Amino acid sequence: MKHRTCLLLITAVCLCTGIQAQPPVYTLKECLEQGLLNNYSLRITRNEEHISRNNSTLANAGYLPTLDLAAGYSGTLNSTDTKDRATGTTTSQNNALDQTIDAGIDLNWTIFDGFNISANYQQLKELERQGETNTRIAIEDLVANIAAEYYNYVQQKIRLENFRYAMSLSRERLRIVEARFHIGDFSRLDYQQAKVDFNADSAQYMKQQEALHTSRIMLNELMAKKDVDEFFIIRDSLINIDQVLDFDELWNATLQANASLLVAIQNQNIARLDYKKVCSRDYPYVRLNGGYGYSLNKYEMGANSRRSTLGLNFGVTVGFKLFDGNRRRERRNASLAIQNARLEREQVEQTLRADLSNLWQAYRNNLELLGLERQNVIAARDNHEIAMERYMLGDLSGIEMREAQKSLLDAEERILSAQYDTKMCEISLLQISGKVLEYME
């Protein structure tokens, strides 16, 4: 019984160890979730967003008063000679120590500063919104990069399978040629050529393994994996294309939700607030001050030996800055900054329109090219089957067989490239229009 229990425990441990040793299996959504949680660049951007949010306070804008608590001590050590005018008597006192001890609370509050405080607060809020937009840009860039690398990994994996298939065809051809060479049906030249082709396909397959490994490293890095060399499996074996995108819908979404355009609009608002802050100097300012304190003075000379004071002080200051020498220059520069911010927003909008149009044209062309390449793959496969039958019957030379095999591999490579290029256009279109987060759904 004990032996059976031990055997069961050992079996359970082995099974658990085997399960843990299995590589993780990822979908695109799971890769995105890992990246959004761990990516270092995104975490830095989020911290910068938190900094802008922390800065957006009433106190930082200047709305709240300042309250200071201070205490101090001072003393003077003097030697004096005093001569009485009437009697002519001189009185001397050496090393007389006078001391002062004070402590108090001081309050200073700017009630009105020509709308400068309100402009400061609005600007801090705008910077907070800009921090959120920058985080969104970082998220969208990361999602687009992970999606692109994910489908690049799918592409490299499919290409590896194509090269493995080509290598298996070359191996079979080499086997056939070698067998017939020994019975005299094929020449040594045919055998050597088949061997060269097989070695070339094997080298291509090994090189493709390196490309797949590089893509895996890149995807692990984007997901901020501690072990960037970690092996994983992806569920997708095909590159699926969204063929129902609409240009007008994408453009309208771009105008409403593109993050770069939002940043340009926010920069324009910040420039207007800078101009408002310069104009605030044309208004007077009102400041309140008050305090409550205690002071103690000790004297070794004079009629009084000590004096203490405890009380409240307060006041109001109203002022107007008549001339500072820089106001007109700063106002002109602030006005030009508003114009530049507006021009930059218009430039961003024009650039987005151009990028969207170019990507849309490439997307449509790749879709049409994809349809043609599908037909070419079918024709290349039929041609290869016919060539193989003729080659087996001895009616086709090795060079012609190799050409049929190369045509099939080229057709599969072209359709794979067309699928990947179309997917990259799709990702870019969704990123420009602010819809790239749909890959998270």
Protein backbone atom coordinates (compact mmCIF):
# COMPACT_ATOMS: atom_id res chain seq x y z
CA MET A 1 0.00 0.00 0.00
CA LYS A 2 2.80 2.37 0.92
CA HIS A 3 4.63 1.55 -2.31
CA ARG A 4 1.48 2.28 -4.30
CA THR A 5 1.02 5.64 -2.52
CA CYS A 6 4.61 6.63 -3.20
CA LEU A 7 4.22 5.64 -6.84
CA LEU A 8 1.10 7.78 -7.16
CA LEU A 9 2.87 10.76 -5.58
CA ILE A 10 5.83 10.41 -7.89
CA THR A 11 3.52 10.15 -10.90
CA ALA A 12 1.61 13.26 -9.79
CA VAL A 13 4.84 15.24 -9.36
CA CYS A 14 6.07 14.17 -12.76
CA LEU A 15 2.78 15.16 -14.36
CA CYS A 16 2.83 18.56 -12.65
CA THR A 17 6.43 19.09 -13.71
CA GLY A 18 5.54 18.14 -17.25
CA ILE A 19 2.63 20.55 -17.26
CA GLN A 20 4.79 23.41 -15.96
CA ALA A 21 7.44 22.65 -18.56
CA GLN A 22 4.97 23.18 -21.39
CA PRO A 23 5.65 26.44 -23.27
CA PRO A 24 2.98 29.16 -22.96
CA VAL A 25 0.43 29.50 -25.74
CA TYR A 26 -0.46 33.07 -26.75
CA THR A 27 -3.14 34.73 -28.80
CA LEU A 28 -2.71 38.28 -30.05
CA LYS A 29 -4.91 39.58 -27.23
CA GLU A 30 -2.81 37.81 -24.61
CA CYS A 31 0.39 39.23 -26.08
CA LEU A 32 -1.14 42.71 -25.97
CA GLU A 33 -2.22 42.25 -22.37
CA GLN A 34 1.29 41.18 -21.38
CA GLY A 35 2.82 44.15 -23.18
CA LEU A 36 0.41 46.73 -21.73
CA LEU A 37 1.10 45.39 -18.26
CA ASN A 38 4.88 45.08 -18.38
CA ASN A 39 6.41 47.14 -21.21
CA TYR A 40 9.08 49.46 -19.78
CA SER A 41 8.55 52.40 -22.15
CA LEU A 42 4.83 52.41 -21.44
CA ARG A 43 5.41 52.29 -17.69
CA ILE A 44 7.74 55.30 -17.95
CA THR A 45 5.11 57.21 -19.95
CA ARG A 46 2.45 56.36 -17.36
CA ASN A 47 4.70 57.71 -14.60
CA GLU A 48 5.10 60.93 -16.57
CA GLU A 49 1.30 61.11 -16.82
CA HIS A 50 1.08 60.75 -13.03
CA ILE A 51 3.58 63.60 -12.66
CA SER A 52 1.44 65.90 -14.82
CA ARG A 53 -1.64 64.88 -12.80
CA ASN A 54 0.17 65.60 -9.53
CA ASN A 55 1.17 69.03 -10.84
CA SER A 56 -2.41 69.93 -11.71
CA THR A 57 -3.44 71.33 -8.32
CA LEU A 58 -4.86 74.60 -7.00
CA ALA A 59 -1.78 75.09 -4.84
CA ASN A 60 0.61 74.70 -7.78
CA ALA A 61 -1.42 77.23 -9.77
CA GLY A 62 -1.21 79.78 -6.93
CA TYR A 63 -4.80 79.76 -5.72
CA LEU A 64 -3.98 78.81 -2.12
CA PRO A 65 -2.19 80.93 0.49
CA THR A 66 1.20 80.19 1.97
CA LEU A 67 1.59 79.78 5.72
CA ASP A 68 5.06 79.98 7.29
CA LEU A 69 6.15 79.23 10.82
CA ALA A 70 9.43 80.86 11.80
CA ALA A 71 11.44 81.38 14.99
CA GLY A 72 14.71 83.13 15.57
CA TYR A 73 17.25 84.37 18.05
CA SER A 74 19.65 87.29 17.79
CA GLY A 75 21.99 89.04 20.15
CA THR A 76 24.40 91.99 20.32
CA LEU A 77 27.45 92.36 22.53
CA ASN A 78 28.55 96.00 22.97
CA SER A 79 30.87 98.06 25.15
CA THR A 80 29.78 101.70 25.63
CA ASP A 81 31.15 104.93 27.18
CA THR A 82 28.54 107.53 28.15
CA LYS A 83 29.51 111.11 29.25
CA ASP A 84 26.96 113.18 31.13
CA ARG A 85 26.80 116.72 29.72
CA ALA A 86 25.91 118.39 32.99
CA THR A 87 28.39 116.76 35.32
CA GLY A 88 31.00 115.64 32.85
CA THR A 89 30.98 112.20 34.41
CA THR A 90 31.79 109.28 32.11
CA THR A 91 30.05 105.96 32.62
CA SER A 92 31.48 102.82 31.01
CA GLN A 93 29.79 99.45 30.46
CA ASN A 94 31.64 96.54 28.91
CA ASN A 95 30.26 93.51 27.11
CA ALA A 96 26.59 94.42 27.44
CA LEU A 97 24.51 91.59 25.91
CA ASP A 98 21.14 92.46 24.32
CA GLN A 99 19.03 89.48 23.18
CA THR A 100 15.98 89.06 20.98
CA ILE A 101 13.86 85.92 20.71
CA ASP A 102 10.91 85.81 18.30
CA ALA A 103 8.47 83.25 16.88
CA GLY A 104 5.46 83.68 14.66
CA ILE A 105 3.15 82.50 11.89
CA ASP A 106 2.96 84.47 8.63
CA LEU A 107 0.17 84.21 6.03
CA ASN A 108 0.48 85.48 2.44
CA TRP A 109 -2.31 85.14 -0.10
CA THR A 110 -2.60 86.52 -3.62
CA ILE A 111 -6.31 87.22 -4.12
CA PHE A 112 -6.10 88.58 -7.65
CA ASP A 113 -3.20 88.57 -10.09
CA GLY A 114 -4.72 89.74 -13.34
CA PHE A 115 -6.16 86.29 -14.22
CA ASN A 116 -2.63 84.86 -14.16
CA ILE A 117 -3.55 82.31 -11.49
CA SER A 118 -6.60 81.07 -13.37
CA ALA A 119 -4.55 80.82 -16.58
CA ASN A 120 -1.92 78.83 -14.69
CA TYR A 121 -4.54 76.41 -13.41
CA GLN A 122 -6.11 75.96 -16.87
CA GLN A 123 -2.67 75.36 -18.33
CA LEU A 124 -1.86 72.73 -15.72
CA LYS A 125 -5.16 70.98 -16.51
CA GLU A 126 -4.33 71.10 -20.22
CA LEU A 127 -0.90 69.60 -19.50
CA GLU A 128 -2.63 66.88 -17.49
CA ARG A 129 -4.85 66.08 -20.48
CA GLN A 130 -1.80 66.12 -22.71
CA GLY A 131 -0.11 63.63 -20.39
CA GLU A 132 -3.12 61.35 -20.79
CA THR A 133 -2.96 61.77 -24.56
CA ASN A 134 0.77 60.97 -24.59
CA THR A 135 0.02 57.80 -22.64
CA ARG A 136 -2.63 56.93 -25.19
CA ILE A 137 -0.12 57.48 -28.00
CA ALA A 138 2.33 55.18 -26.23
CA ILE A 139 -0.38 52.54 -25.78
CA GLU A 140 -1.46 52.72 -29.41
CA ASP A 141 2.15 52.55 -30.61
CA LEU A 142 2.78 49.54 -28.40
CA VAL A 143 -0.39 47.77 -29.55
CA ALA A 144 0.52 48.44 -33.19
CA ASN A 145 4.11 47.24 -32.68
CA ILE A 146 3.07 44.08 -30.87
CA ALA A 147 0.40 43.30 -33.47
CA ALA A 148 2.89 43.89 -36.29
CA GLU A 149 5.51 41.68 -34.66
CA TYR A 150 2.92 39.03 -33.79
CA TYR A 151 1.89 38.72 -37.43
CA ASN A 152 5.53 38.92 -38.48
CA TYR A 153 6.10 35.88 -36.26
CA VAL A 154 3.15 34.16 -37.99
CA GLN A 155 4.69 35.10 -41.34
CA GLN A 156 8.11 33.77 -40.39
CA LYS A 157 6.54 30.58 -39.06
CA ILE A 158 4.60 30.00 -42.29
CA ARG A 159 7.71 30.76 -44.31
CA LEU A 160 9.63 28.21 -42.24
CA GLU A 161 6.96 25.60 -43.07
CA ASN A 162 7.23 26.52 -46.76
CA PHE A 163 11.01 26.08 -46.66
CA ARG A 164 10.63 22.80 -44.78
CA TYR A 165 8.24 21.62 -47.52
CA ALA A 166 10.68 22.76 -50.21
CA MET A 167 13.47 20.91 -48.42
CA SER A 168 11.32 17.75 -48.25
CA LEU A 169 10.65 18.01 -52.00
CA SER A 170 14.36 18.39 -52.68
CA ARG A 171 15.12 15.45 -50.40
CA GLU A 172 12.61 13.28 -52.28
CA ARG A 173 14.03 14.40 -55.61
CA LEU A 174 17.54 13.60 -54.39
CA ARG A 175 16.38 10.17 -53.27
CA ILE A 176 14.83 9.48 -56.68
CA VAL A 177 17.88 10.72 -58.58
CA GLU A 178 20.26 8.78 -56.37
CA ALA A 179 18.28 5.57 -56.84
CA ARG A 180 18.12 5.99 -60.61
CA PHE A 181 21.74 7.11 -60.81
CA HIS A 182 22.82 3.78 -59.35
CA ILE A 183 20.82 1.87 -61.98
CA GLY A 184 22.00 4.17 -64.78
CA ASP A 185 18.80 6.08 -65.57
CA PHE A 186 20.28 9.45 -64.49
CA SER A 187 23.71 10.91 -65.05
CA ARG A 188 26.12 12.00 -62.38
CA LEU A 189 25.39 15.61 -63.35
CA ASP A 190 21.70 15.09 -62.45
CA TYR A 191 22.72 13.60 -59.13
CA GLN A 192 25.13 16.45 -58.32
CA GLN A 193 22.55 19.07 -59.31
CA ALA A 194 19.89 17.47 -57.10
CA LYS A 195 22.36 17.40 -54.23
CA VAL A 196 23.25 21.10 -54.72
CA ASP A 197 19.56 22.04 -54.76
CA PHE A 198 18.88 20.04 -51.60
CA ASN A 199 21.82 21.70 -49.80
CA ALA A 200 20.62 25.14 -50.93
CA ASP A 201 17.11 24.48 -49.62
CA SER A 202 18.55 23.15 -46.36
CA ALA A 203 20.64 26.30 -45.91
CA GLN A 204 17.62 28.45 -46.63
CA TYR A 205 15.63 26.53 -44.05
CA MET A 206 18.36 27.02 -41.43
CA LYS A 207 18.55 30.74 -42.16
CA GLN A 208 14.77 31.02 -41.78
CA GLN A 209 15.03 29.39 -38.35
CA GLU A 210 17.25 32.34 -37.37
CA ALA A 211 14.67 34.83 -38.66
CA LEU A 212 11.94 33.11 -36.64
CA HIS A 213 14.16 33.19 -33.54
CA THR A 214 14.79 36.94 -34.01
CA SER A 215 11.06 37.62 -34.28
CA ARG A 216 10.42 35.62 -31.10
CA ILE A 217 13.07 37.65 -29.24
CA MET A 218 11.52 40.89 -30.44
CA LEU A 219 8.03 39.85 -29.37
CA ASN A 220 9.29 38.82 -25.92
CA GLU A 221 11.06 42.17 -25.61
CA LEU A 222 7.89 44.08 -26.48
CA MET A 223 6.05 42.08 -23.83
CA ALA A 224 8.90 42.91 -21.40
CA LYS A 225 9.54 39.27 -20.57
CA LYS A 226 12.38 38.73 -18.10
CA ASP A 227 13.64 35.91 -20.29
CA VAL A 228 13.63 37.39 -23.79
CA ASP A 229 14.64 33.98 -25.16
CA GLU A 230 11.56 32.27 -23.71
CA PHE A 231 9.96 29.84 -26.14
CA PHE A 232 6.22 30.15 -26.74
CA ILE A 233 3.55 28.96 -29.11
CA ILE A 234 1.02 31.18 -30.90
CA ARG A 235 -2.46 30.00 -31.72
CA ASP A 236 -2.79 31.75 -35.08
CA SER A 237 -1.40 29.88 -38.07
CA LEU A 238 -2.81 32.26 -40.70
CA ILE A 239 -2.76 36.02 -41.26
CA ASN A 240 -6.40 37.06 -41.23
CA ILE A 241 -7.22 40.26 -43.12
CA ASP A 242 -10.06 42.67 -42.38
CA GLN A 243 -11.46 43.39 -45.86
CA VAL A 244 -14.41 45.62 -44.86
CA LEU A 245 -12.61 48.85 -43.90
CA ASP A 246 -14.19 52.07 -45.17
CA PHE A 247 -12.12 55.15 -46.07
CA ASP A 248 -14.70 57.80 -45.11
CA GLU A 249 -15.31 56.15 -41.77
CA LEU A 250 -11.57 55.97 -41.11
CA TRP A 251 -11.06 59.65 -41.98
CA ASN A 252 -13.92 60.84 -39.77
CA ALA A 253 -12.56 58.75 -36.92
CA THR A 254 -9.10 60.25 -37.52
CA LEU A 255 -10.40 63.81 -37.19
CA GLN A 256 -12.19 62.94 -33.97
CA ALA A 257 -9.84 60.54 -32.22
CA ASN A 258 -6.30 60.67 -33.64
CA ALA A 259 -3.98 61.14 -30.66
CA SER A 260 -1.35 63.18 -32.53
CA LEU A 261 -4.05 65.60 -33.70
CA LEU A 262 -5.33 65.87 -30.12
CA VAL A 263 -1.82 66.78 -28.94
CA ALA A 264 -1.62 69.49 -31.60
CA ILE A 265 -4.97 70.91 -30.45
CA GLN A 266 -3.80 70.82 -26.82
CA ASN A 267 -0.59 72.65 -27.77
CA GLN A 268 -2.74 75.31 -29.40
CA ASN A 269 -4.76 75.71 -26.20
CA ILE A 270 -1.55 75.96 -24.14
CA ALA A 271 -0.25 78.70 -26.45
CA ARG A 272 -3.48 80.68 -25.94
CA LEU A 273 -3.11 80.36 -22.17
CA ASP A 274 0.50 81.60 -22.39
CA TYR A 275 -0.82 84.69 -24.19
CA LYS A 276 -3.43 85.14 -21.47
CA LYS A 277 -0.71 84.98 -18.80
CA VAL A 278 1.25 87.73 -20.54
CA CYS A 279 -1.87 89.90 -20.77
CA SER A 280 -2.51 89.44 -17.04
CA ARG A 281 0.21 92.03 -16.38
CA ASP A 282 -2.18 94.72 -17.64
CA TYR A 283 -4.31 94.26 -14.51
CA PRO A 284 -3.63 95.21 -10.88
CA TYR A 285 -2.90 92.67 -8.18
CA VAL A 286 -4.33 92.27 -4.70
CA ARG A 287 -2.48 90.45 -1.92
CA LEU A 288 -3.36 89.75 1.70
CA ASN A 289 -0.86 89.22 4.47
CA GLY A 290 -1.18 88.53 8.15
CA GLY A 291 0.70 87.05 11.05
CA TYR A 292 0.62 86.18 14.68
CA GLY A 293 3.82 86.25 16.68
CA TYR A 294 5.67 86.61 19.93
CA SER A 295 8.96 88.41 20.57
CA LEU A 296 11.09 88.82 23.69
CA ASN A 297 13.86 91.40 24.11
CA LYS A 298 16.37 91.40 26.96
CA TYR A 299 18.57 94.44 27.68
CA GLU A 300 21.59 94.85 29.91
CA MET A 301 21.61 98.58 29.33
CA GLY A 302 18.93 101.23 29.53
CA ALA A 303 15.94 101.78 31.72
CA ASN A 304 14.18 98.55 30.73
CA SER A 305 15.64 95.12 31.37
CA ARG A 306 13.21 93.19 29.17
CA ARG A 307 10.26 93.62 26.85
CA SER A 308 7.86 91.04 25.36
CA THR A 309 5.30 91.41 22.59
CA LEU A 310 2.44 89.07 21.58
CA GLY A 311 0.03 90.10 18.84
CA LEU A 312 -1.58 89.93 15.43
CA ASN A 313 -0.61 91.87 12.31
CA PHE A 314 -2.42 92.07 8.97
CA GLY A 315 -2.51 94.10 5.80
CA VAL A 316 -3.66 94.44 2.21
CA THR A 317 -1.43 95.28 -0.77
CA VAL A 318 -2.87 96.62 -4.01
CA GLY A 319 -0.44 97.26 -6.84
CA PHE A 320 -0.15 97.79 -10.56
CA LYS A 321 2.93 97.09 -12.65
CA LEU A 322 3.32 100.19 -14.80
CA PHE A 323 6.30 99.15 -16.92
CA ASP A 324 8.58 96.13 -17.09
CA GLY A 325 10.26 96.57 -20.48
CA ASN A 326 9.42 93.07 -21.80
CA ARG A 327 5.63 93.08 -21.95
CA ARG A 328 5.23 94.13 -25.59
CA ARG A 329 7.95 91.72 -26.77
CA GLU A 330 6.48 88.79 -24.84
CA ARG A 331 2.99 89.58 -26.11
CA ARG A 332 4.14 89.60 -29.73
CA ASN A 333 6.02 86.32 -29.21
CA ALA A 334 2.99 84.72 -27.50
CA SER A 335 0.79 85.80 -30.43
CA LEU A 336 3.24 84.23 -32.88
CA ALA A 337 3.31 81.06 -30.77
CA ILE A 338 -0.49 80.83 -31.16
CA GLN A 339 -0.12 81.13 -34.94
CA ASN A 340 2.60 78.45 -34.99
CA ALA A 341 0.47 76.10 -32.89
CA ARG A 342 -2.44 76.58 -35.30
CA LEU A 343 -0.19 75.97 -38.32
CA GLU A 344 1.26 72.85 -36.67
CA ARG A 345 -2.25 71.51 -36.08
CA GLU A 346 -3.14 72.12 -39.74
CA GLN A 347 0.13 70.48 -40.80
CA VAL A 348 -0.59 67.43 -38.65
CA GLU A 349 -4.07 67.18 -40.16
CA GLN A 350 -2.67 67.42 -43.69
CA THR A 351 0.01 64.81 -42.92
CA LEU A 352 -2.61 62.46 -41.50
CA ARG A 353 -4.73 62.88 -44.63
CA ALA A 354 -1.74 62.10 -46.84
CA ASP A 355 -0.69 59.08 -44.76
CA LEU A 356 -4.24 57.76 -44.66
CA SER A 357 -4.64 58.14 -48.44
CA ASN A 358 -1.32 56.40 -49.15
CA LEU A 359 -2.05 53.57 -46.75
CA TRP A 360 -5.56 53.17 -48.13
CA GLN A 361 -4.23 52.91 -51.68
CA ALA A 362 -1.63 50.35 -50.58
CA TYR A 363 -4.32 48.45 -48.65
CA ARG A 364 -6.64 48.24 -51.68
CA ASN A 365 -3.80 47.31 -54.05
CA ASN A 366 -2.60 44.58 -51.70
CA LEU A 367 -6.11 43.17 -51.47
CA GLU A 368 -6.29 42.94 -55.26
CA LEU A 369 -2.76 41.53 -55.39
CA LEU A 370 -3.76 38.97 -52.78
CA GLY A 371 -6.57 37.75 -55.01
CA LEU A 372 -4.19 37.35 -57.96
CA GLU A 373 -1.58 35.56 -55.85
CA ARG A 374 -4.18 33.07 -54.61
CA GLN A 375 -4.85 32.13 -58.23
CA ASN A 376 -1.11 31.93 -58.91
CA VAL A 377 -0.60 29.56 -55.97
CA ILE A 378 -3.31 27.23 -57.26
CA ALA A 379 -1.78 27.26 -60.73
CA ALA A 380 1.74 26.74 -59.34
CA ARG A 381 0.61 23.75 -57.27
CA ASP A 382 -1.10 22.15 -60.28
CA ASN A 383 2.00 22.82 -62.38
CA HIS A 384 4.22 21.24 -59.72
CA GLU A 385 2.06 18.12 -59.50
CA ILE A 386 2.15 17.70 -63.28
CA ALA A 387 5.91 18.28 -63.31
CA MET A 388 6.42 15.70 -60.55
CA GLU A 389 4.40 13.10 -62.48
CA ARG A 390 6.42 13.73 -65.63
CA TYR A 391 9.66 13.71 -63.64
CA MET A 392 8.77 10.35 -62.10
CA LEU A 393 8.15 9.02 -65.62
CA GLY A 394 11.47 10.43 -66.85
CA ASP A 395 9.84 12.90 -69.26
CA LEU A 396 11.14 15.98 -67.41
CA SER A 397 14.71 17.06 -66.71
CA GLY A 398 16.01 17.93 -63.27
CA ILE A 399 16.39 21.60 -64.20
CA GLU A 400 12.77 21.80 -65.34
CA MET A 401 11.64 20.04 -62.17
CA ARG A 402 13.65 22.48 -60.09
CA GLU A 403 12.06 25.38 -61.96
CA ALA A 404 8.56 24.06 -61.21
CA GLN A 405 9.48 23.67 -57.56
CA LYS A 406 10.93 27.20 -57.45
CA SER A 407 7.80 28.60 -59.11
CA LEU A 408 5.66 27.02 -56.40
CA LEU A 409 7.86 28.37 -53.60
CA ASP A 410 7.93 31.83 -55.17
CA ALA A 411 4.14 31.85 -55.48
CA GLU A 412 3.75 30.86 -51.82
CA GLU A 413 6.28 33.53 -50.81
CA ARG A 414 4.46 36.23 -52.81
CA ILE A 415 1.07 35.41 -51.31
CA LEU A 416 2.58 35.36 -47.83
CA SER A 417 4.22 38.75 -48.40
CA ALA A 418 0.95 40.13 -49.79
CA GLN A 419 -0.94 38.92 -46.73
CA TYR A 420 1.60 40.45 -44.35
CA ASP A 421 1.79 43.76 -46.25
CA THR A 422 -2.00 44.00 -46.28
CA LYS A 423 -2.09 43.32 -42.53
CA MET A 424 0.52 46.03 -41.91
CA CYS A 425 -1.60 48.50 -43.90
CA GLU A 426 -4.64 47.47 -41.85
CA ILE A 427 -2.78 48.00 -38.56
CA SER A 428 -1.51 51.41 -39.70
CA LEU A 429 -4.97 52.50 -40.86
CA LEU A 430 -6.50 51.54 -37.53
CA GLN A 431 -3.70 53.29 -35.64
CA ILE A 432 -4.13 56.56 -37.54
CA SER A 433 -7.90 56.49 -37.02
CA GLY A 434 -7.54 55.74 -33.31
CA LYS A 435 -9.10 52.27 -33.65
CA VAL A 436 -6.04 50.10 -33.11
CA LEU A 437 -7.23 49.16 -29.61
CA GLU A 438 -9.89 47.05 -31.33
CA TYR A 439 -7.27 44.29 -31.34
CA MET A 440 -7.78 44.10 -27.57
CA GLU A 441 -11.41 43.01 -28.03
